[in-house]
Amino acid sequence: MFDEAKIKFNVPVRRDRPYTLWGRIHPREFFNRGEELRAIEPRLQDLSSHQPIAIIGERRAGKTSMLLHLAEKHREDFTVIQGPEYGIQTAIAFYQALWMDVAPEESPPPDHLTHAWWQEQLIRRMETRVNKEKKPILLWIDELDTIFENERMSDEEKGKILGFFLELIERVDFPIKLIFSVTHTFPDVPHLRSSPLSYKAFRIPLGPFPRKDVEEMVEAMLEDGRSWDEAASFWDWPRFCAETGCQPYYIKALLVHLGKVWRKHKGAIEKEAWWEESIQATLADETFSKSLQHIYDIHFSEDEKAVVLWMVRSGGRVRVSALEGASLLEAAKKLEKRFYLQRKKNEQGMDAFTFRLGLLGRWLDQESRFTSEWRKYRNRTRFSDAGGPV
């Protein structure tokens, strides 16, 4: 039913229309983000301003695809340069990695040169490319926060890199646009609080897709030769969005297994069985499971872990009053802002938090270490085995 080659699960995408590669026509792969792109475009075109652009989103929100799409879209009218990513330990290592894209024809300079030399020469070569190619520079850096949250890099080295960005943003005379991504907030590290990267950046948050864009994306993932009419009687939009949170990574993960299960049974399967088997296959997918494990282990605070574990222990719903009594309401609100949870009132007027990303709750419930994790955090939730908040 759904074509894995079209879905491209766990692969960054960039093209918003069909394209030809190696003599073969490939379908569109980048969807949605129209509102965000409309907000970015005027700022890219305003070459009188060096205001940086920050794309902010959770892990798996589509930040890399957004940057790749912008780089692809503007490759003709900008000189596109990709900045360094993971594993940078020093300012010199940052400059060396950047040099390979700024001056690819030149041999890399030796390590012993000073920070001031690197900064001056990189800026000079950027200006040379602007004058030679008659185009402004678009410098994009994915997950910039990983550099400044790197505990192995000293604050002094981080300060040097921020100083280089300060030169690009406030002091160079040639047209350059800096666009970068960070995860859900700016890292609270020395120097960055007062850096123009933080206080001057135009911020673009990435949230879930609107329902109409989810529908467009899902229908585009059908195998060639199939129509939506074949899937319509088996489809359940509320359920699909409740499980995936209408977020692209989770949409693709579930689509892959909806397609696999359909092919496994050759379409001879009941609707409810199709959904349940596909959801369980998604949860068992090693790539998917590792992604959620990374988010839970690295990107959730201790209070946030306590909240989601409590929700699983309570059948997916915890009252606002209970969270407030346990001093966990702020953590729940942060998870709501980050699109993992949602706050709703039931028919009886009970104000509670539930999972917006249903797959997260299901994964936690089935995670082999859930019981041991729950033991670590249960006292913070004031929850008794007798049933409910104390």
Protein backbone atom coordinates (compact mmCIF):
# COMPACT_ATOMS: atom_id res chain seq x y z
CA MET A 1 0.00 0.00 0.00
CA PHE A 2 2.64 2.56 1.04
CA ASP A 3 5.98 2.80 -0.76
CA GLU A 4 9.05 2.78 1.51
CA ALA A 5 11.15 4.38 -1.22
CA LYS A 6 8.78 7.36 -1.21
CA ILE A 7 8.49 7.51 2.56
CA LYS A 8 12.26 7.75 3.16
CA PHE A 9 11.97 7.03 6.86
CA ASN A 10 14.88 8.34 8.95
CA VAL A 11 16.40 10.06 5.90
CA PRO A 12 16.62 13.87 5.59
CA VAL A 13 14.79 15.17 2.50
CA ARG A 14 15.02 18.40 0.53
CA ARG A 15 12.98 18.57 -2.71
CA ASP A 16 9.40 19.81 -2.77
CA ARG A 17 8.71 18.73 -6.35
CA PRO A 18 9.58 15.74 -8.57
CA TYR A 19 13.24 15.64 -9.63
CA THR A 20 15.54 13.66 -11.92
CA LEU A 21 18.59 11.84 -10.56
CA TRP A 22 20.78 9.37 -12.47
CA GLY A 23 18.30 9.39 -15.32
CA ARG A 24 15.34 8.45 -13.11
CA ILE A 25 12.42 10.65 -12.12
CA HIS A 26 11.86 10.72 -8.36
CA PRO A 27 8.70 11.94 -6.62
CA ARG A 28 8.42 14.92 -4.31
CA GLU A 29 9.88 14.21 -0.86
CA PHE A 30 9.64 17.46 1.17
CA PHE A 31 6.20 18.40 2.51
CA ASN A 32 4.61 21.18 4.50
CA ARG A 33 6.46 24.01 6.28
CA GLY A 34 4.85 26.58 3.97
CA GLU A 35 4.16 29.03 6.78
CA GLU A 36 7.71 28.76 8.11
CA LEU A 37 9.23 29.16 4.64
CA ARG A 38 7.11 32.24 3.95
CA ALA A 39 8.46 33.78 7.14
CA ILE A 40 12.08 32.95 6.25
CA GLU A 41 12.14 34.05 2.61
CA PRO A 42 11.91 37.85 3.13
CA ARG A 43 14.76 37.67 5.62
CA LEU A 44 16.94 35.70 3.23
CA GLN A 45 16.27 38.19 0.48
CA ASP A 46 17.07 41.23 2.65
CA LEU A 47 20.80 41.39 2.00
CA SER A 48 21.16 44.61 3.98
CA SER A 49 20.67 42.62 7.20
CA HIS A 50 22.93 39.98 8.74
CA GLN A 51 20.28 38.83 11.20
CA PRO A 52 20.79 35.09 11.83
CA ILE A 53 17.87 32.68 11.42
CA ALA A 54 17.36 29.94 14.00
CA ILE A 55 15.22 26.88 13.21
CA ILE A 56 14.12 25.47 16.55
CA GLY A 57 12.61 22.04 16.97
CA GLU A 58 12.64 18.81 18.93
CA ARG A 59 14.71 15.85 17.91
CA ARG A 60 13.12 14.37 14.76
CA ALA A 61 11.09 17.52 14.10
CA GLY A 62 12.56 17.92 10.59
CA LYS A 63 15.23 20.58 11.22
CA THR A 64 17.83 18.95 8.99
CA SER A 65 15.34 18.55 6.14
CA MET A 66 14.35 22.20 6.50
CA LEU A 67 17.97 23.33 6.20
CA LEU A 68 18.64 21.00 3.26
CA HIS A 69 15.51 22.25 1.51
CA LEU A 70 16.55 25.89 1.92
CA ALA A 71 20.09 25.12 0.72
CA GLU A 72 18.72 23.28 -2.33
CA LYS A 73 16.18 25.98 -3.10
CA HIS A 74 18.73 28.80 -2.99
CA ARG A 75 21.71 27.10 -4.59
CA GLU A 76 21.43 29.28 -7.69
CA ASP A 77 21.14 32.66 -5.96
CA PHE A 78 23.50 32.04 -3.01
CA THR A 79 26.91 30.50 -2.54
CA VAL A 80 25.82 27.76 -0.15
CA ILE A 81 28.31 26.71 2.53
CA GLN A 82 27.67 23.96 5.07
CA GLY A 83 29.17 24.56 8.48
CA PRO A 84 30.67 21.94 10.80
CA GLU A 85 28.45 19.56 12.70
CA TYR A 86 29.20 16.95 15.35
CA GLY A 87 32.43 16.08 17.14
CA ILE A 88 34.07 19.50 17.16
CA GLN A 89 36.35 19.81 20.21
CA THR A 90 38.23 23.09 19.58
CA ALA A 91 37.80 26.37 17.74
CA ILE A 92 40.65 25.38 15.38
CA ALA A 93 38.84 22.14 14.52
CA PHE A 94 35.72 24.21 13.80
CA TYR A 95 37.68 26.49 11.45
CA GLN A 96 39.38 23.55 9.71
CA ALA A 97 36.04 21.88 9.01
CA LEU A 98 34.56 25.15 7.73
CA TRP A 99 37.63 25.81 5.55
CA MET A 100 36.91 22.71 3.45
CA ASP A 101 33.65 24.27 2.25
CA VAL A 102 34.78 27.88 2.15
CA ALA A 103 38.00 27.24 0.19
CA PRO A 104 37.71 23.72 -1.25
CA GLU A 105 40.42 24.31 -3.89
CA GLU A 106 43.08 25.14 -1.29
CA SER A 107 44.97 22.73 0.92
CA PRO A 108 44.01 22.87 4.60
CA PRO A 109 46.36 25.14 6.58
CA PRO A 110 48.44 23.62 9.43
CA ASP A 111 47.05 23.27 12.94
CA HIS A 112 49.47 25.60 14.72
CA LEU A 113 48.12 28.84 13.22
CA THR A 114 46.39 31.21 15.62
CA HIS A 115 42.71 31.73 16.18
CA ALA A 116 43.04 35.29 14.85
CA TRP A 117 44.69 34.01 11.66
CA TRP A 118 41.93 31.50 11.01
CA GLN A 119 39.20 34.03 11.61
CA GLU A 120 40.76 36.64 9.35
CA GLN A 121 41.54 34.21 6.52
CA LEU A 122 38.13 32.54 6.56
CA ILE A 123 36.36 35.89 6.37
CA ARG A 124 38.72 37.05 3.63
CA ARG A 125 38.03 33.94 1.54
CA MET A 126 34.29 34.28 2.05
CA GLU A 127 34.48 37.84 0.75
CA THR A 128 36.58 36.67 -2.20
CA ARG A 129 33.92 34.12 -3.14
CA VAL A 130 31.18 36.75 -2.92
CA ASN A 131 33.11 39.03 -5.28
CA LYS A 132 34.09 36.22 -7.64
CA GLU A 133 30.75 34.43 -7.86
CA LYS A 134 28.63 37.61 -7.60
CA LYS A 135 26.36 35.96 -5.05
CA PRO A 136 25.81 36.36 -1.30
CA ILE A 137 26.79 33.53 1.03
CA LEU A 138 24.28 31.26 2.75
CA LEU A 139 26.04 29.53 5.64
CA TRP A 140 23.97 26.78 7.27
CA ILE A 141 24.83 24.76 10.36
CA ASP A 142 22.77 21.85 11.63
CA GLU A 143 22.33 21.29 15.38
CA LEU A 144 24.56 24.17 16.41
CA ASP A 145 23.65 23.54 20.04
CA THR A 146 25.64 20.28 20.04
CA ILE A 147 28.82 22.35 19.69
CA PHE A 148 28.04 24.57 22.66
CA GLU A 149 26.69 21.76 24.83
CA ASN A 150 29.83 19.67 24.26
CA GLU A 151 31.27 19.16 27.75
CA ARG A 152 34.67 18.26 26.30
CA MET A 153 35.06 21.72 24.78
CA SER A 154 36.21 24.47 27.11
CA ASP A 155 34.25 27.68 27.56
CA GLU A 156 37.26 29.50 26.11
CA GLU A 157 37.05 27.54 22.87
CA LYS A 158 33.29 28.06 22.68
CA GLY A 159 33.85 31.78 23.21
CA LYS A 160 36.24 31.90 20.25
CA ILE A 161 33.67 30.30 17.95
CA LEU A 162 31.00 32.71 19.16
CA GLY A 163 33.44 35.57 18.47
CA PHE A 164 33.72 34.36 14.89
CA PHE A 165 29.93 34.39 14.54
CA LEU A 166 29.90 37.91 15.99
CA GLU A 167 32.21 39.03 13.17
CA LEU A 168 29.90 37.52 10.54
CA ILE A 169 26.75 38.99 12.07
CA GLU A 170 27.91 42.48 13.01
CA ARG A 171 31.18 43.44 11.34
CA VAL A 172 31.69 42.07 7.82
CA ASP A 173 30.76 44.23 4.83
CA PHE A 174 29.82 41.51 2.33
CA PRO A 175 26.33 39.94 2.15
CA ILE A 176 26.08 36.75 4.21
CA LYS A 177 23.15 34.89 5.73
CA LEU A 178 23.62 32.53 8.67
CA ILE A 179 20.90 29.95 9.27
CA PHE A 180 21.18 27.21 11.86
CA SER A 181 19.14 24.72 13.86
CA VAL A 182 18.93 24.08 17.60
CA THR A 183 16.86 21.71 19.72
CA HIS A 184 13.81 23.25 21.42
CA THR A 185 15.74 26.07 23.14
CA PHE A 186 19.06 27.90 23.09
CA PRO A 187 21.67 26.23 25.30
CA ASP A 188 22.15 28.13 28.55
CA VAL A 189 25.95 28.25 28.42
CA PRO A 190 28.43 31.04 29.17
CA HIS A 191 28.86 33.63 26.39
CA LEU A 192 25.80 32.46 24.43
CA ARG A 193 23.32 34.30 26.66
CA SER A 194 24.73 37.63 25.45
CA SER A 195 25.62 36.50 21.93
CA PRO A 196 23.78 37.92 18.90
CA LEU A 197 23.27 34.27 17.89
CA SER A 198 20.73 34.19 20.70
CA TYR A 199 19.25 37.64 21.17
CA LYS A 200 19.30 38.77 17.52
CA ALA A 201 18.20 35.57 15.80
CA PHE A 202 14.89 35.38 14.00
CA ARG A 203 13.37 32.23 15.46
CA ILE A 204 11.35 29.70 13.49
CA PRO A 205 9.82 26.95 15.65
CA LEU A 206 8.91 23.65 13.99
CA GLY A 207 5.76 22.01 15.29
CA PRO A 208 3.44 19.24 14.08
CA PHE A 209 1.97 19.32 10.58
CA PRO A 210 -1.54 20.71 10.06
CA ARG A 211 -4.04 17.95 9.34
CA LYS A 212 -4.46 18.92 5.67
CA ASP A 213 -0.71 18.65 5.11
CA VAL A 214 -0.62 15.26 6.82
CA GLU A 215 -3.32 14.09 4.42
CA GLU A 216 -1.39 15.40 1.40
CA MET A 217 1.80 13.72 2.57
CA VAL A 218 0.21 10.36 3.36
CA GLU A 219 -1.61 10.14 0.02
CA ALA A 220 1.63 10.96 -1.80
CA MET A 221 3.28 7.93 -0.14
CA LEU A 222 0.96 5.39 -1.79
CA GLU A 223 2.60 2.87 -4.08
CA ASP A 224 2.43 3.76 -7.76
CA GLY A 225 -0.79 2.64 -9.36
CA ARG A 226 -2.80 2.69 -6.13
CA SER A 227 -5.57 5.17 -5.38
CA TRP A 228 -6.67 6.51 -2.04
CA ASP A 229 -10.05 4.81 -2.55
CA GLU A 230 -8.34 1.46 -1.86
CA ALA A 231 -7.15 2.63 1.55
CA ALA A 232 -10.08 4.83 2.56
CA SER A 233 -12.23 2.11 4.11
CA PHE A 234 -9.30 0.96 6.27
CA TRP A 235 -8.08 4.40 7.23
CA ASP A 236 -8.60 6.20 10.54
CA TRP A 237 -7.33 9.79 10.55
CA PRO A 238 -8.02 10.56 14.24
CA ARG A 239 -6.16 7.40 15.24
CA PHE A 240 -3.25 8.08 12.91
CA CYS A 241 -2.77 11.62 14.25
CA ALA A 242 -3.26 10.50 17.86
CA GLU A 243 -0.44 7.95 17.49
CA THR A 244 1.99 10.11 15.49
CA GLY A 245 1.16 13.54 16.89
CA CYS A 246 1.04 14.69 13.23
CA GLN A 247 4.84 14.91 13.37
CA PRO A 248 6.79 13.90 10.24
CA TYR A 249 9.25 11.40 11.73
CA TYR A 250 6.50 9.46 13.51
CA ILE A 251 4.17 9.73 10.52
CA LYS A 252 6.81 8.04 8.36
CA ALA A 253 7.64 5.40 10.95
CA LEU A 254 4.03 4.24 11.18
CA LEU A 255 3.47 4.48 7.41
CA VAL A 256 6.41 2.13 6.77
CA HIS A 257 4.86 -0.58 8.91
CA LEU A 258 1.30 0.01 7.76
CA GLY A 259 2.65 -0.76 4.30
CA LYS A 260 4.69 -3.77 5.40
CA VAL A 261 1.80 -5.36 7.29
CA TRP A 262 -0.56 -4.76 4.38
CA ARG A 263 1.82 -6.51 1.98
CA LYS A 264 2.47 -9.32 4.46
CA HIS A 265 -1.25 -10.15 4.52
CA LYS A 266 -1.79 -9.19 0.87
CA GLY A 267 -4.57 -6.90 2.01
CA ALA A 268 -6.52 -9.77 3.57
CA ILE A 269 -6.63 -8.38 7.08
CA GLU A 270 -9.27 -6.76 9.27
CA LYS A 271 -9.00 -3.02 9.88
CA GLU A 272 -8.37 -3.24 13.63
CA ALA A 273 -5.84 -6.03 13.22
CA TRP A 274 -4.03 -4.01 10.54
CA TRP A 275 -3.65 -0.99 12.82
CA GLU A 276 -2.62 -2.94 15.92
CA GLU A 277 -0.09 -5.13 14.13
CA SER A 278 1.39 -2.09 12.37
CA ILE A 279 1.68 -0.11 15.61
CA GLN A 280 3.40 -3.02 17.37
CA ALA A 281 5.78 -3.43 14.44
CA THR A 282 6.63 0.26 14.63
CA LEU A 283 7.39 0.01 18.35
CA ALA A 284 9.60 -3.02 17.68
CA ASP A 285 11.53 -1.23 14.92
CA GLU A 286 15.12 -0.88 16.20
CA THR A 287 15.71 2.49 14.54
CA PHE A 288 12.47 3.90 15.91
CA SER A 289 13.06 2.50 19.40
CA LYS A 290 16.58 3.92 19.57
CA SER A 291 15.28 7.36 18.59
CA LEU A 292 12.77 7.39 21.43
CA GLN A 293 15.35 6.00 23.82
CA HIS A 294 17.73 8.84 22.92
CA ILE A 295 15.00 11.45 23.40
CA TYR A 296 13.99 10.00 26.77
CA ASP A 297 17.55 9.57 28.07
CA ILE A 298 19.12 12.77 26.76
CA HIS A 299 16.38 15.30 26.07
CA PHE A 300 14.00 14.77 28.98
CA SER A 301 14.78 16.34 32.35
CA GLU A 302 14.35 14.33 35.54
CA ASP A 303 10.98 15.99 36.17
CA GLU A 304 9.86 15.32 32.60
CA LYS A 305 10.76 11.64 32.96
CA ALA A 306 8.73 11.50 36.15
CA VAL A 307 5.73 13.00 34.35
CA VAL A 308 5.69 10.61 31.38
CA LEU A 309 6.31 7.56 33.55
CA TRP A 310 3.48 8.62 35.84
CA MET A 311 1.21 9.03 32.83
CA VAL A 312 1.98 5.51 31.64
CA ARG A 313 1.41 4.14 35.15
CA SER A 314 -1.93 5.98 35.24
CA GLY A 315 -3.24 4.73 31.92
CA GLY A 316 -2.17 7.74 29.86
CA ARG A 317 -3.84 10.52 31.87
CA VAL A 318 -2.77 12.53 34.95
CA ARG A 319 -4.85 15.30 36.48
CA VAL A 320 -3.46 18.82 36.50
CA SER A 321 -4.21 19.09 40.20
CA ALA A 322 -2.15 15.95 40.91
CA LEU A 323 0.78 17.27 38.87
CA GLU A 324 0.60 20.58 40.67
CA GLY A 325 0.56 18.83 44.05
CA ALA A 326 3.66 16.87 43.09
CA SER A 327 5.47 20.03 41.81
CA LEU A 328 5.54 18.54 38.30
CA LEU A 329 3.07 20.82 36.54
CA GLU A 330 5.78 23.00 34.97
CA ALA A 331 7.50 19.92 33.56
CA ALA A 332 4.19 18.78 32.03
CA LYS A 333 3.69 22.23 30.50
CA LYS A 334 7.15 22.08 28.94
CA LEU A 335 6.37 18.69 27.43
CA GLU A 336 3.12 20.14 26.09
CA LYS A 337 5.02 23.04 24.53
CA ARG A 338 7.37 20.52 22.95
CA PHE A 339 4.39 18.56 21.51
CA TYR A 340 4.82 15.33 23.48
CA LEU A 341 1.77 15.94 25.71
CA GLN A 342 -1.52 17.78 25.45
CA ARG A 343 -3.83 19.24 28.06
CA LYS A 344 -7.51 18.35 27.78
CA LYS A 345 -10.71 18.31 29.79
CA ASN A 346 -12.85 15.20 29.66
CA GLU A 347 -16.65 15.10 29.56
CA GLN A 348 -16.77 15.42 33.35
CA GLY A 349 -14.62 18.54 33.22
CA MET A 350 -11.49 16.88 34.59
CA ASP A 351 -8.45 18.92 33.55
CA ALA A 352 -5.64 16.50 32.73
CA PHE A 353 -2.60 15.86 30.58
CA THR A 354 -2.56 13.04 28.04
CA PHE A 355 -0.06 11.94 25.40
CA ARG A 356 -0.17 13.99 22.22
CA LEU A 357 2.39 11.56 20.76
CA GLY A 358 0.63 8.29 21.45
CA LEU A 359 3.55 6.18 20.24
CA LEU A 360 5.70 7.62 23.04
CA GLY A 361 3.31 6.37 25.71
CA ARG A 362 3.03 2.96 24.05
CA TRP A 363 6.82 2.67 23.74
CA LEU A 364 7.38 3.56 27.38
CA ASP A 365 4.75 1.06 28.49
CA GLN A 366 6.51 -1.73 26.60
CA GLU A 367 10.09 -0.66 27.32
CA SER A 368 11.86 -3.44 29.23
CA ARG A 369 13.25 -1.04 31.83
CA PHE A 370 9.96 0.71 32.51
CA THR A 371 9.49 -0.98 35.89
CA SER A 372 12.97 -0.06 37.12
CA GLU A 373 12.58 3.48 35.79
CA TRP A 374 9.24 3.79 37.54
CA ARG A 375 10.81 2.74 40.85
CA LYS A 376 13.34 5.56 40.48
CA TYR A 377 10.70 8.26 39.99
CA ARG A 378 7.53 7.05 41.72
CA ASN A 379 8.21 8.91 44.97
CA ARG A 380 8.29 12.20 43.05
CA THR A 381 4.78 11.57 41.78
CA ARG A 382 3.21 10.81 45.19
CA PHE A 383 1.58 7.80 43.56
CA SER A 384 0.49 4.75 45.51
CA ASP A 385 0.02 1.23 44.19
CA ALA A 386 -3.44 1.35 45.75
CA GLY A 387 -4.45 3.51 42.85
CA GLY A 388 -3.82 7.15 42.27
CA PRO A 389 -2.23 10.21 43.75
CA VAL A 390 -1.81 10.21 47.50
